[in-house]
Amino acid sequence: MIIKRIITSVFLLGILAIFMSVDWLCGLMITAFIAVGLYEFFSMLGKKGIRVYKLFGLVLGIIIPLSIALRFELT
C-alpha cells in the first residue's frame, strides 16, 4: 500500500515540476490539486455522518485559488 502512494507521489510531483514552468498552467494545476483534495475531504466527512455542503465548498474552494491564479481584480 505504501509503495503505491510513493509511486503516485513521485509521479504527481514530476507533473507539477513540468507545469511550474508556465505561469497560468501552474495556477490551474494547483487549483486542480486543491479541488481533488477538497473532494476527498468532503467525502471523508460525509462517510463519518457529518452533514456537509459539498457542492458549495467545492465551488468556493475552486473559485478562490482561480481568482488568485488568473488575477481577477475588482476595479
Protein backbone atom coordinates (compact mmCIF):
# COMPACT_ATOMS: atom_id res chain seq x y z
CA MET A 1 0.00 0.00 0.00
CA ILE A 2 2.76 2.46 0.89
CA ILE A 3 4.64 1.66 -2.33
CA LYS A 4 1.57 2.67 -4.33
CA ARG A 5 1.40 6.01 -2.51
CA ILE A 6 5.10 6.67 -3.01
CA ILE A 7 4.88 5.94 -6.74
CA THR A 8 1.82 8.18 -7.07
CA SER A 9 3.54 10.97 -5.14
CA VAL A 10 6.66 10.83 -7.29
CA PHE A 11 4.54 10.83 -10.46
CA LEU A 12 2.44 13.82 -9.34
CA LEU A 13 5.49 15.77 -8.20
CA GLY A 14 7.06 15.18 -11.62
CA ILE A 15 3.95 16.51 -13.35
CA LEU A 16 3.88 19.50 -11.03
CA ALA A 17 7.54 20.26 -11.77
CA ILE A 18 6.81 20.29 -15.51
CA PHE A 19 3.76 22.53 -15.17
CA MET A 20 5.55 25.07 -12.95
CA SER A 21 7.38 26.46 -15.97
CA VAL A 22 4.18 28.07 -17.36
CA ASP A 23 2.60 30.67 -15.05
CA TRP A 24 -1.11 30.25 -15.82
CA LEU A 25 -0.77 26.48 -16.22
CA CYS A 26 0.84 26.28 -12.79
CA GLY A 27 -2.15 28.09 -11.28
CA LEU A 28 -4.60 25.74 -12.96
CA MET A 29 -2.67 22.67 -11.83
CA ILE A 30 -2.57 23.86 -8.23
CA THR A 31 -6.30 24.58 -8.42
CA ALA A 32 -6.87 21.03 -9.68
CA PHE A 33 -4.90 19.61 -6.74
CA ILE A 34 -6.96 21.75 -4.35
CA ALA A 35 -10.21 20.56 -5.97
CA VAL A 36 -9.25 16.89 -5.65
CA GLY A 37 -8.16 17.41 -2.05
CA LEU A 38 -11.39 19.18 -1.16
CA TYR A 39 -13.45 16.46 -2.81
CA GLU A 40 -11.65 13.80 -0.80
CA PHE A 41 -12.01 15.83 2.40
CA PHE A 42 -15.76 16.35 1.96
CA SER A 43 -16.20 12.68 1.06
CA MET A 44 -14.48 11.61 4.27
CA LEU A 45 -16.70 13.94 6.30
CA GLY A 46 -19.78 12.53 4.60
CA LYS A 47 -18.73 8.96 5.42
CA LYS A 48 -18.39 9.96 9.08
CA GLY A 49 -22.00 11.10 9.05
CA ILE A 50 -21.22 14.81 9.25
CA ARG A 51 -23.58 16.89 7.15
CA VAL A 52 -21.57 18.89 4.62
CA TYR A 53 -22.37 21.25 1.78
CA LYS A 54 -20.06 19.51 -0.66
CA LEU A 55 -21.00 21.44 -3.80
CA PHE A 56 -20.84 24.82 -2.08
CA GLY A 57 -17.48 24.00 -0.51
CA LEU A 58 -16.03 22.72 -3.77
CA VAL A 59 -17.21 25.72 -5.78
CA LEU A 60 -15.83 28.25 -3.30
CA GLY A 61 -12.66 26.23 -2.83
CA ILE A 62 -12.06 26.34 -6.58
CA ILE A 63 -13.07 29.97 -7.18
CA ILE A 64 -10.69 31.42 -4.59
CA PRO A 65 -7.42 29.96 -5.97
CA LEU A 66 -8.58 30.53 -9.57
CA SER A 67 -9.19 34.20 -8.82
CA ILE A 68 -5.65 34.48 -7.49
CA ALA A 69 -4.04 32.46 -10.29
CA LEU A 70 -5.84 34.27 -13.11
CA ARG A 71 -5.53 37.68 -11.38
CA PHE A 72 -9.21 38.60 -11.25
CA GLU A 73 -9.47 42.13 -9.97
CA LEU A 74 -12.33 44.35 -8.98
CA THR A 75 -11.75 47.78 -10.45
